[in-house]
Amino acid sequence: MARFLIVEARFYDHLNDMLVAGALAALEAEGHAVEVITVPGALEIPGAIVLADQSGQYDGYVAIGVVIRGETYHFEIVAGESARGVMALTMDGMAVGNGILTVENEAQALVRADPAQKDKGGEAAKAALALLALRTRYT
């Protein structure tokens, strides 16, 4: 049994609830222990994962958040930099699944977040599981 940490940027409660539910279901279905923590925004997710990883308590991570395009350039910064931060962690050998949605509108987010539809939270958890299996195989 592995220990996973879901790090969520809780901004859109109803969307995050669905993403977290999907991630929890995927990890618990495989018999893994899971904790959930909340950070202020998507930009804080990679840093929170680094801090948690330093504790040595977790084997893998799932990044959860929703970034919806607004009227300013801020969307591009948050979407790009949060994805870059998560990718950097995986390139460093961490098992991190990226479930940070970057969408044009809430309707797109609802379809992607809903476990009964696209289940991006569950997909992110499965990605973390796959990376953990690879790390275990090659280390």
Protein backbone atom coordinates (compact mmCIF):
# COMPACT_ATOMS: atom_id res chain seq x y z
CA MET A 1 0.00 0.00 0.00
CA ALA A 2 1.32 3.40 -0.98
CA ARG A 3 0.52 6.79 0.58
CA PHE A 4 -0.76 9.53 -1.69
CA LEU A 5 -1.36 13.20 -1.09
CA ILE A 6 -3.93 15.11 -3.09
CA VAL A 7 -3.01 18.80 -3.19
CA GLU A 8 -5.97 20.90 -4.25
CA ALA A 9 -6.22 24.56 -5.07
CA ARG A 10 -9.71 25.09 -3.77
CA PHE A 11 -11.25 27.94 -5.74
CA TYR A 12 -14.36 26.45 -7.36
CA ASP A 13 -15.77 24.26 -4.58
CA HIS A 14 -18.29 22.29 -6.67
CA LEU A 15 -15.71 21.51 -9.35
CA ASN A 16 -12.99 20.60 -6.86
CA ASP A 17 -15.38 18.30 -5.02
CA MET A 18 -15.84 16.29 -8.22
CA LEU A 19 -12.14 16.23 -9.08
CA VAL A 20 -11.17 15.13 -5.58
CA ALA A 21 -13.93 12.49 -5.55
CA GLY A 22 -12.59 11.02 -8.78
CA ALA A 23 -9.01 10.99 -7.52
CA LEU A 24 -9.99 9.46 -4.18
CA ALA A 25 -12.04 6.75 -5.86
CA ALA A 26 -9.17 5.77 -8.17
CA LEU A 27 -6.57 5.63 -5.39
CA GLU A 28 -8.77 3.93 -2.81
CA ALA A 29 -9.92 1.35 -5.37
CA GLU A 30 -6.27 0.23 -5.53
CA GLY A 31 -6.05 0.07 -1.72
CA HIS A 32 -3.86 3.12 -1.18
CA ALA A 33 -3.97 5.54 1.74
CA VAL A 34 -4.87 9.11 0.78
CA GLU A 35 -4.77 12.51 2.44
CA VAL A 36 -6.02 15.81 1.03
CA ILE A 37 -4.61 19.27 1.67
CA THR A 38 -5.71 22.63 0.33
CA VAL A 39 -3.59 25.50 -0.97
CA PRO A 40 -4.71 29.00 -2.02
CA GLY A 41 -4.25 28.59 -5.77
CA ALA A 42 -2.85 26.50 -8.60
CA LEU A 43 0.50 28.27 -8.47
CA GLU A 44 1.03 27.01 -4.92
CA ILE A 45 0.45 23.34 -5.77
CA PRO A 46 4.01 22.46 -6.90
CA GLY A 47 5.54 24.17 -3.87
CA ALA A 48 3.19 22.37 -1.50
CA ILE A 49 4.12 19.04 -3.11
CA VAL A 50 7.83 19.77 -2.62
CA LEU A 51 7.26 20.64 1.04
CA ALA A 52 5.20 17.50 1.61
CA ASP A 53 7.75 15.34 -0.19
CA GLN A 54 10.49 16.54 2.12
CA SER A 55 8.60 14.87 4.97
CA GLY A 56 9.11 11.45 3.39
CA GLN A 57 5.51 10.52 4.23
CA TYR A 58 4.16 10.14 0.68
CA ASP A 59 4.86 7.97 -2.32
CA GLY A 60 2.87 9.97 -4.85
CA TYR A 61 0.83 13.09 -5.40
CA VAL A 62 -2.20 14.31 -7.30
CA ALA A 63 -2.47 17.98 -8.23
CA ILE A 64 -6.09 19.19 -8.36
CA GLY A 65 -7.37 22.60 -9.40
CA VAL A 66 -9.43 24.54 -11.90
CA VAL A 67 -8.25 27.56 -13.86
CA ILE A 68 -10.95 29.20 -15.99
CA ARG A 69 -10.00 31.80 -18.59
CA GLY A 70 -10.90 35.31 -17.57
CA GLU A 71 -10.50 38.68 -19.20
CA THR A 72 -6.82 39.16 -18.38
CA TYR A 73 -3.46 37.54 -19.12
CA HIS A 74 -3.46 36.03 -15.62
CA PHE A 75 -5.02 32.82 -16.99
CA GLU A 76 -2.01 32.13 -19.21
CA ILE A 77 0.40 32.68 -16.35
CA VAL A 78 -1.45 30.45 -13.89
CA ALA A 79 -2.17 27.73 -16.46
CA GLY A 80 1.35 27.65 -17.87
CA GLU A 81 3.33 28.03 -14.68
CA SER A 82 1.30 25.52 -12.65
CA ALA A 83 1.70 22.95 -15.44
CA ARG A 84 5.42 23.73 -15.72
CA GLY A 85 5.82 23.32 -11.97
CA VAL A 86 4.07 19.95 -11.92
CA MET A 87 6.07 18.79 -14.94
CA ALA A 88 9.32 19.80 -13.27
CA LEU A 89 8.43 17.60 -10.29
CA THR A 90 7.81 14.60 -12.52
CA MET A 91 11.08 15.25 -14.34
CA ASP A 92 12.76 15.10 -10.92
CA GLY A 93 11.35 11.60 -10.47
CA MET A 94 8.29 12.33 -8.37
CA ALA A 95 5.05 10.44 -9.05
CA VAL A 96 2.68 13.36 -9.68
CA GLY A 97 -0.57 13.23 -11.61
CA ASN A 98 -1.71 16.57 -13.03
CA GLY A 99 -5.42 17.17 -12.51
CA ILE A 100 -5.31 20.94 -12.87
CA LEU A 101 -8.00 21.81 -15.38
CA THR A 102 -7.31 24.77 -17.65
CA VAL A 103 -10.52 25.58 -19.48
CA GLU A 104 -12.33 28.33 -21.31
CA ASN A 105 -15.50 28.23 -19.22
CA GLU A 106 -17.33 26.50 -16.40
CA ALA A 107 -19.27 24.23 -18.75
CA GLN A 108 -16.01 22.70 -19.99
CA ALA A 109 -14.81 22.33 -16.41
CA LEU A 110 -18.00 20.56 -15.32
CA VAL A 111 -17.67 17.89 -18.03
CA ARG A 112 -14.01 17.31 -17.22
CA ALA A 113 -14.40 17.29 -13.45
CA ASP A 114 -17.46 15.03 -13.24
CA PRO A 115 -16.43 11.43 -12.38
CA ALA A 116 -19.37 10.20 -14.46
CA GLN A 117 -18.07 12.03 -17.55
CA LYS A 118 -14.38 12.74 -18.26
CA ASP A 119 -13.19 12.13 -14.67
CA LYS A 120 -9.97 14.13 -14.92
CA GLY A 121 -9.41 13.76 -11.16
CA GLY A 122 -9.48 9.99 -11.52
CA GLU A 123 -7.24 10.17 -14.60
CA ALA A 124 -4.71 12.28 -12.69
CA ALA A 125 -4.67 9.73 -9.87
CA LYS A 126 -4.14 6.91 -12.37
CA ALA A 127 -1.26 8.85 -13.90
CA ALA A 128 0.34 9.16 -10.45
CA LEU A 129 -0.13 5.43 -9.93
CA ALA A 130 1.50 4.69 -13.28
CA LEU A 131 4.48 6.92 -12.52
CA LEU A 132 4.90 5.34 -9.09
CA ALA A 133 4.92 1.89 -10.71
CA LEU A 134 7.60 3.04 -13.17
CA ARG A 135 9.70 4.58 -10.41
CA THR A 136 9.45 1.36 -8.43
CA ARG A 137 10.44 -0.66 -11.48
CA TYR A 138 13.49 1.43 -12.33
CA THR A 139 14.89 2.32 -8.92
